[in-house]
N, C-alpha and C. Protein backbone atom coordinates (compact mmCIF):
# COMPACT_ATOMS: atom_id res chain seq x y z
N UNK A 1 -21.74 3.95 -67.22
CA UNK A 1 -21.78 2.80 -66.32
C UNK A 1 -20.36 2.53 -65.79
N UNK A 2 -20.29 2.30 -64.49
CA UNK A 2 -19.00 1.97 -63.88
C UNK A 2 -18.56 0.58 -64.29
N UNK A 3 -17.26 0.41 -64.48
CA UNK A 3 -16.73 -0.89 -64.85
C UNK A 3 -16.70 -1.83 -63.64
N UNK A 4 -16.53 -1.25 -62.44
CA UNK A 4 -16.44 -2.04 -61.21
C UNK A 4 -17.30 -1.38 -60.13
N UNK A 5 -18.28 -2.09 -59.58
CA UNK A 5 -19.15 -1.49 -58.57
C UNK A 5 -18.41 -1.29 -57.24
N UNK A 6 -18.89 -0.35 -56.46
CA UNK A 6 -18.38 -0.16 -55.10
C UNK A 6 -19.00 -1.23 -54.22
N UNK A 7 -18.23 -1.73 -53.27
CA UNK A 7 -18.74 -2.75 -52.35
C UNK A 7 -19.49 -2.10 -51.20
N UNK A 8 -20.61 -2.70 -50.80
CA UNK A 8 -21.29 -2.20 -49.60
C UNK A 8 -20.45 -2.51 -48.36
N UNK A 9 -20.69 -1.81 -47.26
CA UNK A 9 -19.83 -1.93 -46.08
C UNK A 9 -19.82 -3.30 -45.40
N UNK A 10 -20.85 -4.10 -45.57
CA UNK A 10 -20.92 -5.35 -44.81
C UNK A 10 -20.12 -6.50 -45.41
N UNK A 11 -19.63 -6.35 -46.64
CA UNK A 11 -18.91 -7.47 -47.28
C UNK A 11 -17.47 -7.58 -46.79
N UNK A 12 -16.94 -8.82 -46.74
CA UNK A 12 -15.54 -9.01 -46.30
C UNK A 12 -14.56 -8.44 -47.33
N UNK A 13 -13.47 -7.89 -46.86
CA UNK A 13 -12.49 -7.22 -47.73
C UNK A 13 -11.14 -7.90 -47.69
N UNK A 14 -10.37 -7.62 -48.74
CA UNK A 14 -8.97 -8.05 -48.81
C UNK A 14 -8.24 -7.15 -49.79
N UNK A 15 -6.93 -7.17 -49.73
CA UNK A 15 -6.13 -6.44 -50.68
C UNK A 15 -5.91 -4.99 -50.28
N UNK A 16 -5.35 -4.23 -51.22
CA UNK A 16 -5.02 -2.83 -50.98
C UNK A 16 -5.13 -2.06 -52.30
N UNK A 17 -4.76 -0.81 -52.30
CA UNK A 17 -4.89 0.03 -53.50
C UNK A 17 -4.07 -0.53 -54.67
N UNK A 18 -2.89 -1.06 -54.38
CA UNK A 18 -2.04 -1.60 -55.44
C UNK A 18 -2.67 -2.85 -56.07
N UNK A 19 -3.13 -3.79 -55.24
CA UNK A 19 -3.74 -5.02 -55.79
C UNK A 19 -5.00 -4.68 -56.58
N UNK A 20 -5.78 -3.70 -56.12
CA UNK A 20 -6.97 -3.27 -56.86
C UNK A 20 -6.59 -2.69 -58.22
N UNK A 21 -5.60 -1.80 -58.22
CA UNK A 21 -5.19 -1.14 -59.47
C UNK A 21 -4.65 -2.16 -60.48
N UNK A 22 -3.82 -3.08 -60.01
CA UNK A 22 -3.26 -4.10 -60.92
C UNK A 22 -4.36 -4.98 -61.51
N UNK A 23 -5.27 -5.45 -60.66
CA UNK A 23 -6.34 -6.32 -61.14
C UNK A 23 -7.29 -5.57 -62.07
N UNK A 24 -7.61 -4.32 -61.74
CA UNK A 24 -8.48 -3.53 -62.62
C UNK A 24 -7.81 -3.28 -63.97
N UNK A 25 -6.51 -3.03 -63.93
CA UNK A 25 -5.79 -2.83 -65.18
C UNK A 25 -5.80 -4.06 -66.06
N UNK A 26 -5.58 -5.24 -65.45
CA UNK A 26 -5.60 -6.48 -66.23
C UNK A 26 -6.99 -6.78 -66.79
N UNK A 27 -8.02 -6.58 -65.97
CA UNK A 27 -9.38 -6.82 -66.46
C UNK A 27 -9.74 -5.87 -67.60
N UNK A 28 -9.33 -4.62 -67.46
CA UNK A 28 -9.58 -3.65 -68.52
C UNK A 28 -8.86 -4.06 -69.79
N UNK A 29 -7.63 -4.49 -69.66
CA UNK A 29 -6.85 -4.96 -70.80
C UNK A 29 -7.52 -6.15 -71.49
N UNK A 30 -8.11 -7.03 -70.69
CA UNK A 30 -8.80 -8.20 -71.22
C UNK A 30 -10.21 -7.87 -71.71
N UNK A 31 -10.69 -6.66 -71.40
CA UNK A 31 -12.02 -6.24 -71.84
C UNK A 31 -13.16 -6.64 -70.93
N UNK A 32 -12.86 -7.05 -69.68
CA UNK A 32 -13.89 -7.52 -68.76
C UNK A 32 -14.37 -6.41 -67.83
N UNK A 33 -15.62 -6.56 -67.38
CA UNK A 33 -16.21 -5.64 -66.41
C UNK A 33 -17.14 -6.43 -65.48
N UNK A 34 -17.67 -5.75 -64.48
CA UNK A 34 -18.64 -6.34 -63.57
C UNK A 34 -19.94 -5.57 -63.74
N UNK A 35 -21.02 -6.27 -64.05
CA UNK A 35 -22.34 -5.65 -64.21
C UNK A 35 -23.23 -6.06 -63.05
N UNK A 36 -23.80 -5.07 -62.38
CA UNK A 36 -24.69 -5.33 -61.25
C UNK A 36 -24.07 -4.82 -59.97
N UNK A 37 -24.79 -5.01 -58.89
CA UNK A 37 -24.37 -4.52 -57.58
C UNK A 37 -24.37 -5.68 -56.58
N UNK A 38 -23.49 -5.58 -55.62
CA UNK A 38 -23.48 -6.55 -54.53
C UNK A 38 -24.47 -6.10 -53.46
N UNK A 39 -25.27 -7.01 -52.93
CA UNK A 39 -26.17 -6.64 -51.85
C UNK A 39 -25.39 -6.39 -50.56
N UNK A 40 -25.95 -5.58 -49.70
CA UNK A 40 -25.30 -5.25 -48.44
C UNK A 40 -25.69 -6.29 -47.39
N UNK A 41 -25.13 -7.47 -47.53
CA UNK A 41 -25.38 -8.59 -46.61
C UNK A 41 -24.03 -9.16 -46.19
N UNK A 42 -23.83 -9.41 -44.92
CA UNK A 42 -22.52 -9.89 -44.47
C UNK A 42 -22.23 -11.35 -44.78
N UNK A 43 -23.28 -12.14 -45.07
CA UNK A 43 -23.09 -13.57 -45.34
C UNK A 43 -23.97 -13.99 -46.50
N UNK A 44 -23.36 -14.67 -47.47
CA UNK A 44 -24.13 -15.20 -48.59
C UNK A 44 -23.27 -16.20 -49.37
N UNK A 45 -23.96 -16.94 -50.23
CA UNK A 45 -23.29 -17.86 -51.13
C UNK A 45 -23.46 -17.31 -52.54
N UNK A 46 -22.36 -17.16 -53.26
CA UNK A 46 -22.43 -16.75 -54.67
C UNK A 46 -22.26 -18.00 -55.52
N UNK A 47 -23.25 -18.25 -56.37
CA UNK A 47 -23.10 -19.34 -57.35
C UNK A 47 -22.67 -18.69 -58.66
N UNK A 48 -21.61 -19.20 -59.24
CA UNK A 48 -21.06 -18.60 -60.45
C UNK A 48 -21.07 -19.66 -61.55
N UNK A 49 -21.83 -19.35 -62.61
CA UNK A 49 -22.01 -20.29 -63.71
C UNK A 49 -22.10 -19.50 -65.01
N UNK A 50 -21.97 -20.09 -66.16
CA UNK A 50 -21.47 -21.44 -66.31
C UNK A 50 -19.96 -21.49 -66.10
N UNK A 51 -19.50 -22.61 -65.61
CA UNK A 51 -18.07 -22.81 -65.39
C UNK A 51 -17.58 -23.72 -66.51
N UNK A 52 -17.08 -23.10 -67.59
CA UNK A 52 -16.74 -23.86 -68.80
C UNK A 52 -15.26 -23.82 -69.15
N UNK A 53 -14.46 -23.09 -68.36
CA UNK A 53 -13.06 -22.92 -68.73
C UNK A 53 -12.23 -22.57 -67.50
N UNK A 54 -10.94 -22.88 -67.57
CA UNK A 54 -10.02 -22.45 -66.51
C UNK A 54 -9.92 -20.94 -66.45
N UNK A 55 -10.24 -20.25 -67.55
CA UNK A 55 -10.23 -18.79 -67.57
C UNK A 55 -11.24 -18.22 -66.57
N UNK A 56 -12.31 -18.95 -66.28
CA UNK A 56 -13.30 -18.47 -65.32
C UNK A 56 -12.65 -18.19 -63.97
N UNK A 57 -11.78 -19.07 -63.54
CA UNK A 57 -11.10 -18.89 -62.25
C UNK A 57 -10.20 -17.66 -62.30
N UNK A 58 -9.47 -17.51 -63.39
CA UNK A 58 -8.55 -16.36 -63.52
C UNK A 58 -9.34 -15.05 -63.51
N UNK A 59 -10.40 -14.99 -64.30
CA UNK A 59 -11.24 -13.79 -64.31
C UNK A 59 -11.84 -13.55 -62.93
N UNK A 60 -12.31 -14.63 -62.30
CA UNK A 60 -12.91 -14.51 -60.96
C UNK A 60 -11.94 -13.96 -59.93
N UNK A 61 -10.73 -14.45 -59.92
CA UNK A 61 -9.73 -13.96 -58.97
C UNK A 61 -9.36 -12.51 -59.27
N UNK A 62 -9.25 -12.16 -60.55
CA UNK A 62 -8.98 -10.77 -60.90
C UNK A 62 -10.11 -9.85 -60.42
N UNK A 63 -11.36 -10.30 -60.57
CA UNK A 63 -12.50 -9.51 -60.10
C UNK A 63 -12.43 -9.34 -58.58
N UNK A 64 -12.12 -10.41 -57.87
CA UNK A 64 -12.02 -10.35 -56.41
C UNK A 64 -11.01 -9.28 -55.98
N UNK A 65 -9.84 -9.29 -56.62
CA UNK A 65 -8.82 -8.30 -56.25
C UNK A 65 -9.17 -6.90 -56.76
N UNK A 66 -9.81 -6.80 -57.92
CA UNK A 66 -10.21 -5.49 -58.46
C UNK A 66 -11.22 -4.81 -57.54
N UNK A 67 -12.05 -5.59 -56.89
CA UNK A 67 -13.06 -5.03 -56.00
C UNK A 67 -12.57 -4.91 -54.56
N UNK A 68 -11.49 -5.62 -54.22
CA UNK A 68 -11.03 -5.65 -52.83
C UNK A 68 -11.92 -6.54 -51.98
N UNK A 69 -12.45 -7.58 -52.58
CA UNK A 69 -13.42 -8.48 -51.94
C UNK A 69 -12.74 -9.76 -51.47
N UNK A 70 -13.05 -10.18 -50.28
CA UNK A 70 -12.54 -11.46 -49.78
C UNK A 70 -13.60 -12.53 -50.03
N UNK A 71 -13.25 -13.51 -50.83
CA UNK A 71 -14.17 -14.60 -51.17
C UNK A 71 -13.55 -15.91 -50.73
N UNK A 72 -14.37 -16.76 -50.15
CA UNK A 72 -13.99 -18.15 -49.87
C UNK A 72 -14.58 -18.97 -51.00
N UNK A 73 -13.95 -20.10 -51.35
CA UNK A 73 -14.51 -20.94 -52.40
C UNK A 73 -14.19 -22.40 -52.12
N UNK A 74 -14.99 -23.27 -52.70
CA UNK A 74 -14.77 -24.71 -52.65
C UNK A 74 -14.22 -25.15 -54.00
N UNK A 75 -13.24 -26.03 -53.98
CA UNK A 75 -12.65 -26.53 -55.21
C UNK A 75 -12.27 -27.98 -55.08
N UNK A 76 -12.11 -28.64 -56.22
CA UNK A 76 -11.74 -30.06 -56.16
C UNK A 76 -10.36 -30.20 -55.49
N UNK A 77 -10.23 -31.26 -54.72
CA UNK A 77 -9.06 -31.45 -53.86
C UNK A 77 -7.74 -31.48 -54.63
N UNK A 78 -7.77 -31.90 -55.88
CA UNK A 78 -6.52 -32.00 -56.64
C UNK A 78 -5.91 -30.63 -56.92
N UNK A 79 -6.69 -29.57 -56.82
CA UNK A 79 -6.17 -28.21 -57.00
C UNK A 79 -5.32 -27.75 -55.81
N UNK A 80 -5.41 -28.48 -54.72
CA UNK A 80 -4.77 -28.05 -53.48
C UNK A 80 -3.50 -28.84 -53.15
N UNK A 81 -2.95 -29.50 -54.16
CA UNK A 81 -1.70 -30.23 -53.97
C UNK A 81 -0.54 -29.38 -54.49
N UNK A 82 0.68 -29.83 -54.24
CA UNK A 82 1.86 -29.12 -54.70
C UNK A 82 1.85 -29.06 -56.23
N UNK A 83 2.31 -28.03 -56.83
CA UNK A 83 3.01 -26.90 -56.24
C UNK A 83 2.11 -25.71 -55.90
N UNK A 84 0.81 -25.75 -56.26
CA UNK A 84 -0.02 -24.56 -56.09
C UNK A 84 -1.02 -24.62 -54.94
N UNK A 85 -0.98 -25.68 -54.14
CA UNK A 85 -1.94 -25.83 -53.06
C UNK A 85 -1.93 -24.67 -52.08
N UNK A 86 -0.73 -24.18 -51.73
CA UNK A 86 -0.64 -23.05 -50.79
C UNK A 86 -1.30 -21.81 -51.37
N UNK A 87 -1.18 -21.59 -52.70
CA UNK A 87 -1.77 -20.43 -53.34
C UNK A 87 -3.30 -20.52 -53.33
N UNK A 88 -3.82 -21.69 -53.61
CA UNK A 88 -5.27 -21.88 -53.61
C UNK A 88 -5.86 -21.60 -52.23
N UNK A 89 -5.17 -22.05 -51.19
CA UNK A 89 -5.64 -21.77 -49.83
C UNK A 89 -5.53 -20.29 -49.51
N UNK A 90 -4.43 -19.66 -49.91
CA UNK A 90 -4.25 -18.23 -49.66
C UNK A 90 -5.33 -17.41 -50.36
N UNK A 91 -5.75 -17.85 -51.53
CA UNK A 91 -6.79 -17.16 -52.27
C UNK A 91 -8.17 -17.34 -51.65
N UNK A 92 -8.30 -18.28 -50.70
CA UNK A 92 -9.58 -18.48 -50.01
C UNK A 92 -10.20 -19.84 -50.25
N UNK A 93 -9.46 -20.75 -50.87
CA UNK A 93 -10.01 -22.04 -51.24
C UNK A 93 -10.02 -23.07 -50.12
N UNK A 94 -11.00 -23.96 -50.22
CA UNK A 94 -11.12 -25.11 -49.35
C UNK A 94 -11.31 -26.34 -50.24
N UNK A 95 -10.47 -27.37 -50.06
CA UNK A 95 -10.60 -28.55 -50.93
C UNK A 95 -11.80 -29.42 -50.59
N UNK A 96 -12.39 -30.01 -51.64
CA UNK A 96 -13.50 -30.94 -51.49
C UNK A 96 -13.20 -32.14 -52.38
N UNK A 97 -13.35 -33.35 -51.84
CA UNK A 97 -13.24 -34.57 -52.63
C UNK A 97 -14.62 -34.82 -53.22
N UNK A 98 -14.76 -34.61 -54.52
CA UNK A 98 -16.09 -34.65 -55.15
C UNK A 98 -16.71 -36.04 -55.14
N UNK A 99 -15.89 -37.08 -55.22
CA UNK A 99 -16.44 -38.43 -55.25
C UNK A 99 -16.98 -38.86 -53.89
N UNK A 100 -16.42 -38.31 -52.83
CA UNK A 100 -16.87 -38.64 -51.48
C UNK A 100 -16.96 -37.34 -50.66
N UNK A 101 -17.94 -36.48 -50.96
CA UNK A 101 -18.01 -35.18 -50.31
C UNK A 101 -18.65 -35.21 -48.92
N UNK A 102 -18.48 -36.34 -48.20
CA UNK A 102 -19.09 -36.48 -46.89
C UNK A 102 -18.70 -35.32 -45.98
N UNK A 103 -19.69 -34.67 -45.45
CA UNK A 103 -19.45 -33.60 -44.51
C UNK A 103 -19.15 -32.25 -45.12
N UNK A 104 -19.01 -32.15 -46.44
CA UNK A 104 -18.65 -30.87 -47.07
C UNK A 104 -19.74 -29.83 -46.86
N UNK A 105 -21.00 -30.24 -46.96
CA UNK A 105 -22.10 -29.29 -46.77
C UNK A 105 -22.11 -28.80 -45.33
N UNK A 106 -22.02 -29.71 -44.38
CA UNK A 106 -22.03 -29.32 -42.96
C UNK A 106 -20.81 -28.47 -42.62
N UNK A 107 -19.64 -28.83 -43.15
CA UNK A 107 -18.42 -28.05 -42.88
C UNK A 107 -18.54 -26.63 -43.44
N UNK A 108 -19.04 -26.51 -44.67
CA UNK A 108 -19.18 -25.19 -45.28
C UNK A 108 -20.22 -24.35 -44.54
N UNK A 109 -21.33 -24.97 -44.15
CA UNK A 109 -22.36 -24.24 -43.40
C UNK A 109 -21.81 -23.77 -42.06
N UNK A 110 -21.05 -24.61 -41.39
CA UNK A 110 -20.46 -24.24 -40.11
C UNK A 110 -19.47 -23.08 -40.28
N UNK A 111 -18.69 -23.11 -41.35
CA UNK A 111 -17.75 -22.02 -41.62
C UNK A 111 -18.51 -20.70 -41.79
N UNK A 112 -19.62 -20.73 -42.51
CA UNK A 112 -20.42 -19.52 -42.72
C UNK A 112 -20.99 -19.02 -41.40
N UNK A 113 -21.54 -19.93 -40.63
CA UNK A 113 -22.15 -19.55 -39.35
C UNK A 113 -21.10 -18.96 -38.40
N UNK A 114 -19.90 -19.54 -38.39
CA UNK A 114 -18.88 -19.14 -37.42
C UNK A 114 -18.18 -17.82 -37.76
N UNK A 115 -18.20 -17.41 -39.02
CA UNK A 115 -17.52 -16.18 -39.41
C UNK A 115 -18.48 -14.99 -39.37
N UNK A 116 -17.93 -13.83 -39.06
CA UNK A 116 -18.75 -12.61 -38.98
C UNK A 116 -19.22 -12.16 -40.36
N UNK A 117 -18.32 -12.28 -41.35
CA UNK A 117 -18.62 -11.90 -42.73
C UNK A 117 -18.03 -12.95 -43.65
N UNK A 118 -18.83 -13.43 -44.59
CA UNK A 118 -18.30 -14.42 -45.52
C UNK A 118 -19.12 -14.43 -46.81
N UNK A 119 -18.39 -14.47 -47.91
CA UNK A 119 -18.99 -14.69 -49.22
C UNK A 119 -18.35 -15.97 -49.74
N UNK A 120 -19.14 -17.02 -49.84
CA UNK A 120 -18.66 -18.32 -50.31
C UNK A 120 -19.03 -18.48 -51.77
N UNK A 121 -18.03 -18.63 -52.64
CA UNK A 121 -18.27 -18.81 -54.06
C UNK A 121 -18.24 -20.28 -54.44
N UNK A 122 -19.23 -20.68 -55.22
CA UNK A 122 -19.35 -22.08 -55.65
C UNK A 122 -19.77 -22.13 -57.11
N UNK A 123 -19.14 -23.01 -57.89
CA UNK A 123 -19.61 -23.31 -59.24
C UNK A 123 -20.62 -24.45 -59.10
N UNK A 124 -21.90 -24.20 -59.34
CA UNK A 124 -22.91 -25.22 -59.08
C UNK A 124 -22.77 -26.48 -59.92
N UNK A 125 -22.11 -26.39 -61.08
CA UNK A 125 -21.91 -27.60 -61.88
C UNK A 125 -20.85 -28.50 -61.27
N UNK A 126 -19.92 -27.91 -60.52
CA UNK A 126 -18.87 -28.69 -59.90
C UNK A 126 -17.79 -29.15 -60.86
N UNK A 127 -17.87 -28.74 -62.13
CA UNK A 127 -16.90 -29.16 -63.13
C UNK A 127 -16.98 -28.21 -64.32
N UNK A 128 -16.01 -28.33 -65.22
CA UNK A 128 -16.02 -27.48 -66.42
C UNK A 128 -16.68 -28.18 -67.61
N UNK A 129 -17.14 -29.41 -67.44
CA UNK A 129 -17.74 -30.14 -68.56
C UNK A 129 -19.07 -29.51 -68.96
N UNK A 130 -19.22 -29.29 -70.25
CA UNK A 130 -20.42 -28.66 -70.78
C UNK A 130 -21.64 -29.56 -70.56
N UNK A 131 -22.76 -28.92 -70.19
CA UNK A 131 -24.02 -29.65 -70.04
C UNK A 131 -24.15 -30.44 -68.75
N UNK A 132 -23.24 -30.23 -67.81
CA UNK A 132 -23.30 -30.96 -66.54
C UNK A 132 -24.43 -30.40 -65.68
N UNK A 133 -25.28 -31.27 -65.15
CA UNK A 133 -26.35 -30.77 -64.27
C UNK A 133 -25.77 -30.14 -63.00
N UNK A 134 -26.48 -29.17 -62.48
CA UNK A 134 -26.03 -28.53 -61.24
C UNK A 134 -26.15 -29.51 -60.08
N UNK A 135 -25.19 -29.44 -59.19
CA UNK A 135 -25.23 -30.24 -57.96
C UNK A 135 -26.00 -29.45 -56.90
N UNK A 136 -26.53 -30.12 -55.93
CA UNK A 136 -27.37 -29.46 -54.93
C UNK A 136 -26.60 -28.94 -53.72
N UNK A 137 -25.29 -29.13 -53.69
CA UNK A 137 -24.52 -28.73 -52.52
C UNK A 137 -24.66 -27.27 -52.15
N UNK A 138 -24.59 -26.37 -53.14
CA UNK A 138 -24.70 -24.94 -52.85
C UNK A 138 -26.02 -24.62 -52.16
N UNK A 139 -27.09 -25.29 -52.62
CA UNK A 139 -28.43 -25.05 -52.09
C UNK A 139 -28.54 -25.56 -50.65
N UNK A 140 -28.01 -26.76 -50.43
CA UNK A 140 -28.05 -27.34 -49.10
C UNK A 140 -27.22 -26.54 -48.10
N UNK A 141 -26.10 -25.99 -48.56
CA UNK A 141 -25.28 -25.14 -47.69
C UNK A 141 -26.05 -23.88 -47.32
N UNK A 142 -26.69 -23.26 -48.32
CA UNK A 142 -27.47 -22.04 -48.06
C UNK A 142 -28.58 -22.30 -47.06
N UNK A 143 -29.28 -23.41 -47.21
CA UNK A 143 -30.36 -23.74 -46.26
C UNK A 143 -29.80 -24.00 -44.87
N UNK A 144 -28.73 -24.79 -44.79
CA UNK A 144 -28.17 -25.13 -43.48
C UNK A 144 -27.62 -23.90 -42.76
N UNK A 145 -27.01 -22.97 -43.50
CA UNK A 145 -26.42 -21.78 -42.89
C UNK A 145 -27.43 -20.63 -42.81
N UNK A 146 -28.60 -20.82 -43.42
CA UNK A 146 -29.65 -19.79 -43.45
C UNK A 146 -29.15 -18.47 -44.06
N UNK A 147 -28.56 -18.61 -45.26
CA UNK A 147 -28.06 -17.44 -45.98
C UNK A 147 -28.66 -17.41 -47.38
N UNK A 148 -28.72 -16.23 -47.99
CA UNK A 148 -29.22 -16.12 -49.36
C UNK A 148 -28.18 -16.53 -50.38
N UNK A 149 -28.64 -16.67 -51.61
CA UNK A 149 -27.78 -17.04 -52.74
C UNK A 149 -27.68 -15.84 -53.68
N UNK A 150 -26.45 -15.51 -54.05
CA UNK A 150 -26.21 -14.45 -55.04
C UNK A 150 -25.86 -15.12 -56.36
N UNK A 151 -26.78 -15.16 -57.33
CA UNK A 151 -26.45 -15.73 -58.62
C UNK A 151 -25.54 -14.78 -59.41
N UNK A 152 -24.48 -15.33 -59.98
CA UNK A 152 -23.53 -14.56 -60.79
C UNK A 152 -23.16 -15.39 -62.01
N UNK A 153 -22.78 -14.71 -63.09
CA UNK A 153 -22.51 -15.41 -64.34
C UNK A 153 -21.21 -14.94 -64.97
N UNK A 154 -20.40 -15.89 -65.41
CA UNK A 154 -19.26 -15.60 -66.27
C UNK A 154 -19.80 -15.54 -67.69
N UNK A 155 -20.13 -14.35 -68.17
CA UNK A 155 -20.71 -14.21 -69.50
C UNK A 155 -19.60 -13.82 -70.47
N UNK A 156 -19.05 -14.83 -71.14
CA UNK A 156 -17.94 -14.58 -72.07
C UNK A 156 -18.41 -13.86 -73.32
N UNK A 157 -19.69 -13.97 -73.67
CA UNK A 157 -20.22 -13.25 -74.82
C UNK A 157 -20.17 -11.74 -74.60
N UNK A 158 -20.44 -11.31 -73.38
CA UNK A 158 -20.43 -9.88 -73.03
C UNK A 158 -19.14 -9.46 -72.33
N UNK A 159 -18.27 -10.43 -72.03
CA UNK A 159 -17.06 -10.20 -71.23
C UNK A 159 -17.42 -9.47 -69.94
N UNK A 160 -18.34 -10.10 -69.23
CA UNK A 160 -18.88 -9.49 -68.03
C UNK A 160 -19.14 -10.54 -66.96
N UNK A 161 -18.76 -10.20 -65.72
CA UNK A 161 -19.24 -10.97 -64.57
C UNK A 161 -20.54 -10.31 -64.19
N UNK A 162 -21.64 -10.98 -64.43
CA UNK A 162 -22.98 -10.42 -64.19
C UNK A 162 -23.49 -10.85 -62.82
N UNK A 163 -23.99 -9.89 -62.07
CA UNK A 163 -24.59 -10.15 -60.76
C UNK A 163 -26.09 -10.00 -60.88
N UNK A 164 -26.82 -11.04 -60.46
CA UNK A 164 -28.28 -11.01 -60.49
C UNK A 164 -28.80 -10.66 -59.10
N UNK A 165 -30.11 -10.54 -58.97
CA UNK A 165 -30.73 -10.21 -57.69
C UNK A 165 -30.52 -11.33 -56.68
N UNK A 166 -30.38 -10.96 -55.43
CA UNK A 166 -30.21 -11.91 -54.34
C UNK A 166 -31.42 -12.84 -54.29
N UNK A 167 -31.16 -14.13 -54.05
CA UNK A 167 -32.20 -15.15 -54.09
C UNK A 167 -32.31 -15.81 -52.72
N UNK A 168 -33.49 -15.82 -52.17
CA UNK A 168 -33.74 -16.48 -50.88
C UNK A 168 -34.29 -17.88 -51.15
N UNK A 169 -33.56 -18.94 -50.76
CA UNK A 169 -34.07 -20.30 -51.02
C UNK A 169 -35.33 -20.58 -50.20
N UNK A 170 -36.29 -21.25 -50.84
CA UNK A 170 -37.58 -21.52 -50.20
C UNK A 170 -37.61 -22.87 -49.49
N UNK A 171 -36.67 -23.75 -49.83
CA UNK A 171 -36.71 -25.12 -49.32
C UNK A 171 -37.23 -26.10 -50.37
N UNK A 172 -37.81 -25.60 -51.45
CA UNK A 172 -38.28 -26.42 -52.56
C UNK A 172 -37.18 -26.39 -53.63
N UNK A 173 -36.27 -27.35 -53.56
CA UNK A 173 -35.09 -27.34 -54.43
C UNK A 173 -35.46 -27.32 -55.91
N UNK A 174 -36.35 -28.18 -56.33
CA UNK A 174 -36.68 -28.27 -57.76
C UNK A 174 -37.24 -26.95 -58.29
N UNK A 175 -38.16 -26.34 -57.56
CA UNK A 175 -38.75 -25.07 -58.00
C UNK A 175 -37.70 -23.96 -58.00
N UNK A 176 -36.90 -23.90 -56.95
CA UNK A 176 -35.86 -22.87 -56.86
C UNK A 176 -34.78 -23.06 -57.92
N UNK A 177 -34.42 -24.31 -58.21
CA UNK A 177 -33.41 -24.59 -59.22
C UNK A 177 -33.88 -24.08 -60.59
N UNK A 178 -35.14 -24.32 -60.91
CA UNK A 178 -35.68 -23.85 -62.20
C UNK A 178 -35.60 -22.33 -62.28
N UNK A 179 -35.92 -21.63 -61.20
CA UNK A 179 -35.86 -20.16 -61.18
C UNK A 179 -34.42 -19.68 -61.33
N UNK A 180 -33.50 -20.31 -60.64
CA UNK A 180 -32.10 -19.90 -60.72
C UNK A 180 -31.53 -20.15 -62.12
N UNK A 181 -31.77 -21.33 -62.66
CA UNK A 181 -31.21 -21.65 -63.97
C UNK A 181 -31.81 -20.78 -65.07
N UNK A 182 -33.03 -20.30 -64.89
CA UNK A 182 -33.65 -19.43 -65.89
C UNK A 182 -32.87 -18.12 -66.03
N UNK A 183 -32.19 -17.69 -64.98
CA UNK A 183 -31.40 -16.46 -65.04
C UNK A 183 -30.25 -16.55 -66.04
N UNK A 184 -29.80 -17.77 -66.31
CA UNK A 184 -28.60 -17.99 -67.12
C UNK A 184 -28.90 -18.30 -68.58
N UNK A 185 -30.15 -18.17 -68.99
CA UNK A 185 -30.54 -18.55 -70.36
C UNK A 185 -29.74 -17.86 -71.44
N UNK A 186 -29.46 -16.57 -71.28
CA UNK A 186 -28.76 -15.83 -72.33
C UNK A 186 -27.27 -15.65 -72.04
N UNK A 187 -26.75 -16.41 -71.10
CA UNK A 187 -25.33 -16.31 -70.72
C UNK A 187 -24.53 -17.30 -71.58
N UNK A 188 -23.40 -16.82 -72.10
CA UNK A 188 -22.55 -17.70 -72.92
C UNK A 188 -21.24 -17.97 -72.22
N UNK A 189 -20.95 -19.24 -71.99
CA UNK A 189 -19.67 -19.65 -71.42
C UNK A 189 -18.57 -19.54 -72.45
N UNK A 190 -17.34 -19.68 -72.02
CA UNK A 190 -16.19 -19.55 -72.94
C UNK A 190 -16.19 -20.63 -74.01
N UNK A 191 -16.49 -21.84 -73.65
CA UNK A 191 -16.41 -22.96 -74.59
C UNK A 191 -17.78 -23.38 -75.10
N UNK A 192 -18.66 -22.42 -75.29
CA UNK A 192 -20.01 -22.76 -75.79
C UNK A 192 -20.23 -22.14 -77.15
């Protein structure tokens, strides 16, 4: 089994041979791999759960560079202040004020529609607190932008970023949420 899958041609790219080699070396040193394949779709939303540790972000960024993948992501606005705000934006981040997320869904959907290729990564819990219910923003963005959802998991038990089958939202949030969350039953977060 390959430690890192090849990307299909339609996905957005970033980085070079050096950034790939460095990130792959670090992930290998940490014992992490990527299980599954990316679908050949130019636009989608990746939901990555469970988000239980700051290590999830570090592993996620290493995976992005190891694959040469360009990912956009939404993060809490406090991550985008000095001294690291410029880095978060360079990595593909867009700040969101979680207490007053007015317009965040419409803005994210518009960004997806306006770009030729985009993979938007979102932690559906919106926080690292254990047992937090998933927020509906990722789902509403997918519906508004008419894009599928790629479920992915930070599985610290297996030291694997797991990619599940592409999910097409039906419009029935409660039914779709139950199906999506069922995928994560055997996934172990870092602090669980």
